[in-house]
Amino acid sequence: MYGRAVNRRNPIRRSVARLVLKAVRWRTVGEVPERSVLVGAPHTSNWDWVLTVLLSWDYDIRIRLLVKDELFRGPLAAVLRWTGAVALDRKDPGGTIRALLAEAEGDDPFVLGLAAEGTRSKGEYWKSGFYRIAQQTGLPITLSFIDGPSRTIGWGPTFHPTGDIGADMDFVRAFYADKTGLRPEGFTTPRLREEEGRNPA
């Protein structure tokens, strides 16, 4: 099911999100499925998390956002859990993922959010976890975005991975080609190590 869910369960959160977004002159756009693996990009600033939370509140959707476990310290840990964040145990990332995959079973709404770049600084590759999880679970991939110049955050296209990782990543690259994030110099071009050796189209 796709669409903009009405926030009947959390009208206060929705109102707060809209007031804040209006105050800072940002807008939300797009449609989000109730079940998907969510790719958040460009990820270039700590403010990305705040904007993502506001986006989820505006659409009344709970994003199970993977966050490095080092941030789950002190009062911030309670805030992160309250917003749906999940601590990624870097010593046992597979354990965290397996627990989330078990949570994803069934037909209940489930959106798992990952920052595929893995860092706020420019790198060479994206992490391929989002692609592998989508293949393992049968969940589609949704491309979400933050675009600084237009002050827009939202949901882009949703697609099922075809298994042709090069073609799928060409689609991802085309979508993010005009998205800059908050710090354009920090954006990592969508590319996976698994594409190495592929002849460009």
Protein backbone atom coordinates (compact mmCIF):
# COMPACT_ATOMS: atom_id res chain seq x y z
CA MET A 1 0.00 0.00 0.00
CA TYR A 2 1.31 3.41 -0.96
CA GLY A 3 0.30 6.90 0.01
CA ARG A 4 0.44 9.67 2.51
CA ALA A 5 -0.88 8.25 5.78
CA VAL A 6 -3.04 10.50 7.96
CA ASN A 7 -1.52 10.76 11.41
CA ARG A 8 -4.53 9.90 13.55
CA ARG A 9 -2.39 8.16 16.14
CA ASN A 10 0.07 11.03 16.65
CA PRO A 11 -1.63 14.29 15.66
CA ILE A 12 0.65 16.27 17.98
CA ARG A 13 3.80 14.94 16.31
CA ARG A 14 2.40 15.72 12.90
CA SER A 15 1.50 19.25 13.95
CA VAL A 16 4.93 19.80 15.51
CA ALA A 17 6.65 18.50 12.37
CA ARG A 18 4.66 20.79 10.10
CA LEU A 19 5.22 23.82 12.30
CA VAL A 20 8.96 23.23 12.46
CA LEU A 21 9.26 22.52 8.75
CA LYS A 22 7.31 25.66 7.95
CA ALA A 23 9.46 27.71 10.33
CA VAL A 24 12.70 26.57 8.70
CA ARG A 25 11.13 26.77 5.21
CA TRP A 26 11.49 23.10 4.30
CA ARG A 27 8.84 20.98 2.62
CA THR A 28 8.12 17.27 2.31
CA VAL A 29 7.10 15.51 -0.90
CA GLY A 30 6.38 12.08 -2.31
CA GLU A 31 4.73 8.81 -1.37
CA VAL A 32 6.14 6.10 0.86
CA PRO A 33 5.17 2.43 0.97
CA GLU A 34 4.22 0.96 4.31
CA ARG A 35 6.88 -1.73 3.91
CA SER A 36 10.31 -1.08 2.42
CA VAL A 37 14.05 -0.77 2.85
CA LEU A 38 14.66 2.96 2.91
CA VAL A 39 17.85 4.48 1.51
CA GLY A 40 18.58 7.92 2.94
CA ALA A 41 20.87 10.11 0.82
CA PRO A 42 22.72 12.36 0.42
CA HIS A 43 23.94 11.90 4.01
CA THR A 44 26.30 14.81 4.59
CA SER A 45 25.27 16.40 7.91
CA ASN A 46 24.09 15.57 11.44
CA TRP A 47 20.96 17.58 10.60
CA ASP A 48 19.93 14.80 8.21
CA TRP A 49 18.66 12.79 11.19
CA VAL A 50 16.52 15.68 12.43
CA LEU A 51 15.00 16.20 8.99
CA THR A 52 14.33 12.48 8.62
CA VAL A 53 12.50 12.41 11.95
CA LEU A 54 10.36 15.38 10.89
CA LEU A 55 9.62 13.63 7.60
CA SER A 56 8.50 10.46 9.36
CA TRP A 57 6.30 12.41 11.79
CA ASP A 58 4.70 14.35 8.95
CA TYR A 59 3.80 11.08 7.20
CA ASP A 60 2.95 9.14 10.37
CA ILE A 61 5.40 6.39 9.59
CA ARG A 62 7.85 4.80 12.00
CA ILE A 63 11.29 4.37 10.49
CA ARG A 64 13.53 1.76 12.08
CA LEU A 65 16.65 3.81 11.44
CA LEU A 66 20.00 2.10 11.91
CA VAL A 67 22.34 4.31 13.94
CA LYS A 68 25.87 3.48 15.12
CA ASP A 69 25.79 2.23 18.70
CA GLU A 70 28.35 4.81 19.87
CA LEU A 71 25.58 7.42 19.78
CA PHE A 72 23.40 5.47 22.22
CA ARG A 73 24.91 7.11 25.30
CA GLY A 74 23.26 9.11 28.05
CA PRO A 75 20.05 11.10 27.40
CA LEU A 76 20.54 10.86 23.63
CA ALA A 77 19.95 7.10 23.77
CA ALA A 78 16.40 7.59 25.06
CA VAL A 79 15.70 10.19 22.36
CA LEU A 80 17.00 7.91 19.62
CA ARG A 81 14.90 4.96 20.79
CA TRP A 82 11.84 7.18 21.10
CA THR A 83 12.16 8.15 17.44
CA GLY A 84 12.52 4.52 16.33
CA ALA A 85 16.30 4.37 15.93
CA VAL A 86 18.06 1.03 16.35
CA ALA A 87 21.61 0.71 17.68
CA LEU A 88 23.85 -1.04 15.16
CA ASP A 89 26.30 -3.21 17.07
CA ARG A 90 29.45 -2.87 14.99
CA LYS A 91 30.95 -5.93 16.69
CA ASP A 92 27.96 -8.02 15.60
CA PRO A 93 26.12 -6.15 12.83
CA GLY A 94 24.66 -9.41 11.60
CA GLY A 95 22.88 -9.91 14.91
CA THR A 96 21.24 -6.51 14.69
CA ILE A 97 20.15 -7.15 11.12
CA ARG A 98 18.76 -10.60 11.93
CA ALA A 99 16.66 -9.15 14.74
CA LEU A 100 15.27 -6.51 12.39
CA LEU A 101 14.56 -9.05 9.68
CA ALA A 102 12.55 -11.06 12.18
CA GLU A 103 10.61 -7.90 13.00
CA ALA A 104 9.97 -7.39 9.28
CA GLU A 105 8.17 -10.73 8.92
CA GLY A 106 4.43 -10.54 8.38
CA ASP A 107 2.32 -7.83 6.80
CA ASP A 108 2.52 -5.07 9.40
CA PRO A 109 3.98 -1.71 8.31
CA PHE A 110 7.77 -1.85 8.43
CA VAL A 111 10.29 0.66 7.09
CA LEU A 112 13.99 0.03 7.71
CA GLY A 113 16.15 3.10 7.10
CA LEU A 114 19.85 2.99 6.24
CA ALA A 115 22.39 5.65 5.32
CA ALA A 116 24.02 3.74 2.48
CA GLU A 117 26.97 6.12 2.34
CA GLY A 118 27.93 5.05 5.87
CA THR A 119 29.57 8.39 6.62
CA ARG A 120 28.89 12.11 6.33
CA SER A 121 32.16 12.60 4.42
CA LYS A 122 32.77 11.85 0.78
CA GLY A 123 33.84 8.26 0.20
CA GLU A 124 34.45 5.89 -2.67
CA TYR A 125 31.59 3.41 -2.32
CA TRP A 126 28.15 3.00 -0.80
CA LYS A 127 27.53 0.07 1.55
CA SER A 128 25.49 -2.66 -0.12
CA GLY A 129 23.50 -3.72 2.96
CA PHE A 130 20.30 -2.07 1.74
CA TYR A 131 20.42 -4.07 -1.49
CA ARG A 132 21.15 -7.40 0.19
CA ILE A 133 18.44 -6.91 2.83
CA ALA A 134 15.88 -6.11 0.14
CA GLN A 135 16.82 -9.28 -1.72
CA GLN A 136 16.67 -11.41 1.43
CA THR A 137 13.30 -10.09 2.62
CA GLY A 138 11.53 -9.41 -0.66
CA LEU A 139 10.93 -5.84 0.51
CA PRO A 140 11.19 -3.09 -2.11
CA ILE A 141 13.79 -0.34 -1.92
CA THR A 142 12.61 3.24 -1.46
CA LEU A 143 14.96 6.11 -2.28
CA SER A 144 14.52 9.04 0.08
CA PHE A 145 16.39 12.29 -0.31
CA ILE A 146 17.46 15.61 1.17
CA ASP A 147 18.03 18.47 -1.23
CA GLY A 148 19.50 21.62 0.28
CA PRO A 149 19.00 24.14 -2.56
CA SER A 150 15.27 23.41 -2.89
CA ARG A 151 14.88 22.85 0.89
CA THR A 152 13.04 19.62 0.16
CA ILE A 153 13.05 16.27 1.90
CA GLY A 154 10.98 13.39 0.72
CA TRP A 155 10.35 10.00 -0.76
CA GLY A 156 11.53 9.11 -4.23
CA PRO A 157 10.81 6.02 -6.32
CA THR A 158 10.24 2.55 -4.87
CA PHE A 159 11.50 -0.50 -6.77
CA HIS A 160 12.28 -4.18 -6.29
CA PRO A 161 15.92 -5.13 -6.96
CA THR A 162 16.18 -7.08 -10.19
CA GLY A 163 19.41 -8.92 -9.37
CA ASP A 164 21.20 -6.92 -12.07
CA ILE A 165 23.06 -4.80 -9.57
CA GLY A 166 24.65 -2.59 -12.22
CA ALA A 167 21.34 -1.70 -13.85
CA ASP A 168 19.69 -1.15 -10.47
CA MET A 169 22.49 1.16 -9.36
CA ASP A 170 22.29 3.06 -12.65
CA PHE A 171 18.67 3.77 -11.69
CA VAL A 172 19.78 4.90 -8.22
CA ARG A 173 22.49 7.14 -9.67
CA ALA A 174 20.06 8.76 -12.09
CA PHE A 175 17.68 9.60 -9.25
CA TYR A 176 20.32 11.17 -7.01
CA ALA A 177 22.10 12.98 -9.84
CA ASP A 178 20.41 16.29 -9.00
CA LYS A 179 20.18 15.87 -5.20
CA THR A 180 22.85 17.70 -3.22
CA GLY A 181 22.14 17.25 0.49
CA LEU A 182 23.15 19.94 2.96
CA ARG A 183 26.88 19.76 2.17
CA PRO A 184 27.28 18.83 -1.51
CA GLU A 185 31.02 18.26 -1.16
CA GLY A 186 30.36 15.38 1.25
CA PHE A 187 28.11 13.32 -1.02
CA THR A 188 29.41 9.92 -2.13
CA THR A 189 28.34 8.96 -5.65
CA PRO A 190 26.06 5.88 -5.50
CA ARG A 191 28.40 3.02 -6.36
CA LEU A 192 28.90 -0.44 -4.83
CA ARG A 193 32.05 -2.50 -4.67
CA GLU A 194 30.03 -5.32 -6.18
CA GLU A 195 29.92 -3.34 -9.42
CA GLU A 196 33.69 -3.58 -9.88
CA GLY A 197 34.64 -4.96 -13.27
CA ARG A 198 31.31 -4.07 -14.84
CA ASN A 199 31.58 -2.50 -18.27
CA PRO A 200 29.91 0.92 -18.25
CA ALA A 201 26.82 1.21 -20.42
